[in-house]
Protein backbone atom coordinates (compact mmCIF):
# COMPACT_ATOMS: atom_id res chain seq x y z
CA UNK A 1 111.20 86.57 95.67
CA UNK A 2 110.34 83.48 97.69
CA UNK A 3 107.49 84.97 99.74
CA UNK A 4 104.10 86.26 98.67
CA UNK A 5 104.90 89.89 99.46
CA UNK A 6 108.01 89.61 97.34
CA UNK A 7 105.99 88.41 94.35
CA UNK A 8 103.83 91.52 94.60
CA UNK A 9 106.87 93.65 93.79
CA UNK A 10 108.37 93.62 90.27
CA UNK A 11 111.78 91.89 90.18
CA UNK A 12 114.96 93.80 89.36
CA UNK A 13 115.39 94.83 85.74
CA UNK A 14 117.69 92.36 84.00
CA UNK A 15 120.76 93.50 82.06
CA UNK A 16 121.28 92.50 78.43
CA UNK A 17 123.36 89.45 77.54
CA UNK A 18 123.92 89.96 73.80
CA UNK A 19 121.21 87.46 72.87
CA UNK A 20 120.31 89.35 69.68
CA UNK A 21 123.71 90.68 68.69
CA UNK A 22 124.00 91.29 64.97
CA UNK A 23 120.26 90.93 64.37
CA UNK A 24 117.95 93.46 62.71
CA UNK A 25 114.39 93.82 63.99
CA UNK A 26 111.13 95.62 63.26
CA UNK A 27 108.80 96.35 66.17
CA UNK A 28 105.35 97.79 65.48
CA UNK A 29 103.36 99.97 67.89
CA UNK A 30 106.64 100.77 69.61
CA UNK A 31 105.99 104.37 70.65
CA UNK A 32 105.48 105.13 74.31
CA UNK A 33 105.85 103.03 77.42
CA UNK A 34 103.87 99.92 76.49
CA UNK A 35 104.97 96.43 75.45
CA UNK A 36 106.21 97.59 72.04
CA UNK A 37 108.41 100.30 73.49
CA UNK A 38 109.74 97.95 76.15
CA UNK A 39 110.49 95.33 73.49
CA UNK A 40 112.41 97.80 71.32
CA UNK A 41 114.51 98.80 74.32
CA UNK A 42 115.18 95.20 75.36
CA UNK A 43 116.18 94.30 71.79
CA UNK A 44 118.66 97.16 71.74
CA UNK A 45 120.01 96.10 75.12
CA UNK A 46 120.48 92.61 73.69
CA UNK A 47 122.53 93.95 70.78
CA UNK A 48 120.02 94.23 67.93
CA UNK A 49 119.44 97.04 65.47
CA UNK A 50 115.80 98.12 65.58
CA UNK A 51 113.36 99.89 63.30
CA UNK A 52 110.51 101.13 65.47
CA UNK A 53 107.14 101.92 64.00
CA UNK A 54 103.83 103.33 65.17
CA UNK A 55 100.73 104.97 63.73
CA UNK A 56 101.26 107.96 66.05
CA UNK A 57 104.02 109.94 64.35
CA UNK A 58 104.67 112.42 67.17
CA UNK A 59 104.95 109.79 69.89
CA UNK A 60 107.10 107.66 67.61
CA UNK A 61 109.47 110.56 66.99
CA UNK A 62 109.84 111.18 70.72
CA UNK A 63 110.46 107.49 71.45
CA UNK A 64 112.97 107.12 68.62
CA UNK A 65 114.87 110.22 69.72
CA UNK A 66 115.15 108.87 73.26
CA UNK A 67 116.40 105.48 72.05
CA UNK A 68 118.83 107.09 69.60
CA UNK A 69 120.31 109.25 72.34
CA UNK A 70 120.98 106.13 74.38
CA UNK A 71 121.93 103.54 71.76
CA UNK A 72 123.11 105.53 68.74
CA UNK A 73 121.68 106.49 65.36
CA UNK A 74 123.34 103.54 63.63
CA UNK A 75 121.19 101.11 65.63
CA UNK A 76 117.85 102.94 65.80
CA UNK A 77 115.54 103.90 62.94
CA UNK A 78 111.88 104.92 62.90
CA UNK A 79 109.07 105.03 60.37
CA UNK A 80 105.37 105.77 60.98
CA UNK A 81 103.10 103.00 59.75
CA UNK A 82 99.37 102.34 59.86
CA UNK A 83 99.15 98.54 59.79
CA UNK A 84 95.72 98.71 58.13
CA UNK A 85 97.35 100.27 55.05
CA UNK A 86 99.09 97.71 52.84
CA UNK A 87 101.22 100.30 51.05
CA UNK A 88 102.57 101.60 54.37
CA UNK A 89 103.30 98.06 55.55
CA UNK A 90 105.25 97.30 52.39
CA UNK A 91 107.27 100.49 52.78
CA UNK A 92 108.02 99.64 56.43
CA UNK A 93 109.61 96.33 55.51
CA UNK A 94 111.46 97.77 52.54
CA UNK A 95 112.83 100.49 54.84
CA UNK A 96 114.03 97.89 57.33
CA UNK A 97 116.20 96.21 54.72
CA UNK A 98 117.42 99.52 53.26
CA UNK A 99 118.34 100.89 56.68
CA UNK A 100 119.94 97.90 58.38
CA UNK A 101 120.74 95.69 55.40
CA UNK A 102 118.76 92.67 56.56
CA UNK A 103 115.62 91.57 58.42
CA UNK A 104 115.88 88.91 61.11
CA UNK A 105 113.09 89.56 63.62
CA UNK A 106 109.60 91.07 63.43
CA UNK A 107 107.43 91.79 66.45
CA UNK A 108 103.79 92.41 65.57
CA UNK A 109 102.61 94.40 68.54
CA UNK A 110 100.02 96.70 66.95
CA UNK A 111 96.52 96.20 68.26
CA UNK A 112 93.36 98.08 69.16
CA UNK A 113 90.96 97.39 72.00
CA UNK A 114 87.76 98.90 73.30
CA UNK A 115 84.78 97.95 75.41
CA UNK A 116 81.29 97.36 74.04
CA UNK A 117 78.57 94.86 74.82
CA UNK A 118 77.85 92.72 71.78
CA UNK A 119 74.18 93.73 71.63
CA UNK A 120 75.23 97.38 71.33
CA UNK A 121 78.39 96.93 69.25
CA UNK A 122 78.38 98.64 65.86
CA UNK A 123 79.83 97.22 62.68
CA UNK A 124 82.40 100.02 62.71
CA UNK A 125 83.54 99.11 66.23
CA UNK A 126 83.89 95.45 65.27
CA UNK A 127 85.59 96.12 61.94
CA UNK A 128 88.12 98.59 63.35
CA UNK A 129 89.34 96.28 66.12
CA UNK A 130 89.52 93.29 63.79
CA UNK A 131 91.29 95.26 61.05
CA UNK A 132 94.00 96.69 63.31
CA UNK A 133 94.54 93.75 65.65
CA UNK A 134 94.12 90.75 63.36
CA UNK A 135 94.35 92.32 59.92
CA UNK A 136 97.45 94.30 60.88
CA UNK A 137 99.15 91.19 62.21
CA UNK A 138 98.26 89.38 58.99
CA UNK A 139 99.66 92.13 56.75
CA UNK A 140 102.89 92.47 58.72
CA UNK A 141 103.40 88.72 59.03
CA UNK A 142 102.87 88.32 55.29
CA UNK A 143 105.38 91.09 54.56
CA UNK A 144 107.87 89.59 57.03
CA UNK A 145 107.63 86.11 55.55
CA UNK A 146 108.05 87.42 52.02
CA UNK A 147 111.16 89.35 53.00
CA UNK A 148 112.64 86.50 55.05
CA UNK A 149 112.00 83.92 52.34
CA UNK A 150 113.69 86.13 49.78
CA UNK A 151 116.60 86.83 52.14
CA UNK A 152 117.32 83.12 52.59
CA UNK A 153 118.63 83.51 56.16
CA UNK A 154 115.56 82.39 58.07
CA UNK A 155 114.13 84.62 60.78
CA UNK A 156 111.66 84.97 63.60
CA UNK A 157 108.20 86.51 63.89
CA UNK A 158 106.66 87.13 67.32
CA UNK A 159 103.02 88.17 67.50
CA UNK A 160 101.36 89.82 70.48
CA UNK A 161 98.17 87.94 71.33
CA UNK A 162 96.39 88.02 74.72
CA UNK A 163 95.02 85.64 77.31
CA UNK A 164 91.63 87.03 76.31
CA UNK A 165 91.97 84.93 73.18
CA UNK A 166 91.40 81.96 75.51
CA UNK A 167 89.26 83.44 78.28
CA UNK A 168 85.91 85.21 78.20
CA UNK A 169 85.44 88.81 79.31
CA UNK A 170 82.25 90.84 78.94
CA UNK A 171 82.48 93.73 76.52
CA UNK A 172 85.45 92.26 74.67
CA UNK A 173 83.92 90.14 71.90
CA UNK A 174 85.72 91.99 69.10
CA UNK A 175 89.10 92.09 70.85
CA UNK A 176 88.86 88.46 72.02
CA UNK A 177 87.94 87.30 68.53
CA UNK A 178 90.86 89.26 67.07
CA UNK A 179 93.38 87.88 69.56
CA UNK A 180 92.11 84.30 69.13
CA UNK A 181 92.60 84.91 65.41
CA UNK A 182 96.18 86.04 66.03
CA UNK A 183 96.84 82.74 67.82
CA UNK A 184 95.37 80.71 64.94
CA UNK A 185 97.26 82.79 62.38
CA UNK A 186 100.47 82.15 64.32
CA UNK A 187 99.98 78.38 64.23
CA UNK A 188 99.18 78.23 60.51
CA UNK A 189 101.91 80.68 59.48
CA UNK A 190 104.45 78.68 61.48
CA UNK A 191 103.74 75.52 59.50
CA UNK A 192 104.18 77.33 56.21
CA UNK A 193 107.25 79.33 57.26
CA UNK A 194 109.14 76.30 58.56
CA UNK A 195 109.88 75.36 54.95
CA UNK A 196 112.21 78.38 54.63
CA UNK A 197 113.61 78.44 58.15
CA UNK A 198 111.37 81.02 59.81
CA UNK A 199 109.85 80.52 63.25
CA UNK A 200 106.51 82.14 64.18
CA UNK A 201 105.36 82.31 67.80
CA UNK A 202 103.20 84.52 69.98
CA UNK A 203 102.98 85.85 73.51
CA UNK A 204 99.68 86.13 75.37
CA UNK A 205 99.95 88.68 78.19
CA UNK A 206 97.22 89.09 80.76
CA UNK A 207 97.69 92.53 82.28
CA UNK A 208 100.71 94.71 81.54
CA UNK A 209 100.28 98.24 82.84
CA UNK A 210 101.26 101.33 80.84
CA UNK A 211 99.94 104.90 80.63
CA UNK A 212 97.75 104.35 77.54
CA UNK A 213 95.96 101.41 79.15
CA UNK A 214 95.31 103.47 82.27
CA UNK A 215 93.71 106.19 80.13
CA UNK A 216 91.28 103.89 78.32
CA UNK A 217 90.37 101.60 81.25
CA UNK A 218 88.45 102.38 84.41
CA UNK A 219 90.13 102.14 87.79
CA UNK A 220 87.46 99.64 88.82
CA UNK A 221 88.21 97.27 85.93
CA UNK A 222 91.96 97.55 86.48
CA UNK A 223 91.48 96.70 90.14
CA UNK A 224 89.33 93.70 89.21
CA UNK A 225 91.85 92.44 86.64
CA UNK A 226 94.74 92.92 89.04
CA UNK A 227 92.90 90.92 91.70
CA UNK A 228 92.77 87.96 89.29
CA UNK A 229 96.55 87.82 89.11
CA UNK A 230 98.15 85.28 91.43
CA UNK A 231 100.91 87.77 92.29
CA UNK A 232 98.39 90.47 93.16
CA UNK A 233 99.98 92.87 90.68
CA UNK A 234 100.08 93.60 86.97
CA UNK A 235 103.10 92.85 84.81
CA UNK A 236 105.60 95.51 83.89
CA UNK A 237 105.79 95.84 80.06
CA UNK A 238 109.45 94.80 80.17
CA UNK A 239 108.48 91.50 81.82
CA UNK A 240 106.48 90.68 78.68
CA UNK A 241 109.33 92.00 76.53
CA UNK A 242 111.70 89.54 78.22
CA UNK A 243 109.60 86.64 76.92
CA UNK A 244 109.55 88.20 73.46
CA UNK A 245 113.36 88.37 73.61
CA UNK A 246 113.41 84.66 74.48
CA UNK A 247 111.18 83.81 71.51
CA UNK A 248 113.30 85.99 69.20
CA UNK A 249 116.56 84.44 70.37
CA UNK A 250 118.31 81.15 69.76
CA UNK A 251 117.14 79.92 73.15
CA UNK A 252 113.76 79.06 71.58
CA UNK A 253 115.21 77.44 68.45
CA UNK A 254 112.86 74.43 68.53
CA UNK A 255 109.68 76.41 69.17
CA UNK A 256 107.30 77.44 66.42
CA UNK A 257 103.53 77.84 66.24
CA UNK A 258 103.34 78.31 70.00
CA UNK A 259 101.49 80.91 72.06
CA UNK A 260 103.21 81.50 75.40
CA UNK A 261 101.07 82.84 78.21
CA UNK A 262 102.78 85.70 80.07
CA UNK A 263 100.42 85.73 82.99
CA UNK A 264 100.02 84.97 86.67
CA UNK A 265 96.26 84.62 86.39
CA UNK A 266 94.53 81.92 88.38
CA UNK A 267 93.52 78.93 86.26
C-alpha cells in the first residue's frame, strides 16, 4: 500500500472485531450492492442485529435472504419502506423495536440522484430528489430521535451525504442542494439530540462504485470522476461502510454534528 500502484488497488477486506456487538440497527436503502447493502453486512460482521429496508421490495427480499443465510434469522429482519411516506417510516421504526427489542443505530442511506441542467430542470425533478434525499433523511432522523429519546439508552444516527454537498458539479443542482441540506440537518439535529445522549454524524463519499450507479451514469462521466480521485480509482462500497461502522461505534464517542469526507479527491 505504500506505492502509487498499490493505492490503485482496493485494500484487503477487513474482518469484524465485534465493534457493534449487542446493538440493533436500521439501515435504509440496503438492498443490492451499494453503500447501504455493504453497511448492513459490515454491521452484521461487527455483531449487530440489523433491520434492512428499501423501497424496492423484490431486491430487498433477495438481499435479506442472502444475509439471513449467512448470519441467521435472529439477527436479520427486513421491511420495505418508502422514505417519502411518513406512515411507512413510522412502521419501520416500530418494527425495529418489535423485532429486536431496542434501537441503537440508524443509517439513513436512502437518496435519489439524476442529471439535469438547471435551466431545463422541471419542478417534478427537483421535488423528487429533494423529497427522497433530504426529506427522507429528515423523516427517518425524526423517527430515530423520537424512538431513542423514549428508549433512554442514547444511540447513534449516521446520515449519508456526499462531497457534492461541498463541491459544484454541472447537472447536479437538485442533488447537491439535497446533500448540503443533509449536512446542515446533521449539524442541527446533533445539537438537539445531545440532550438525550444521541450522536448524529454523516459521511460524505465521493465515488463509490456499484451496479446501480453504473446503470444510471455514463462511462464518460465515471471515467472523469475516477480521474479526479487521488488514488486513480473509485471506492468500494465497503470502504465507505467501514467509516459508517466507525461513526456508529464507541470509537467515535466524542464526535457529533460532523460530516466525514470519505474521498481521495484532489483538493
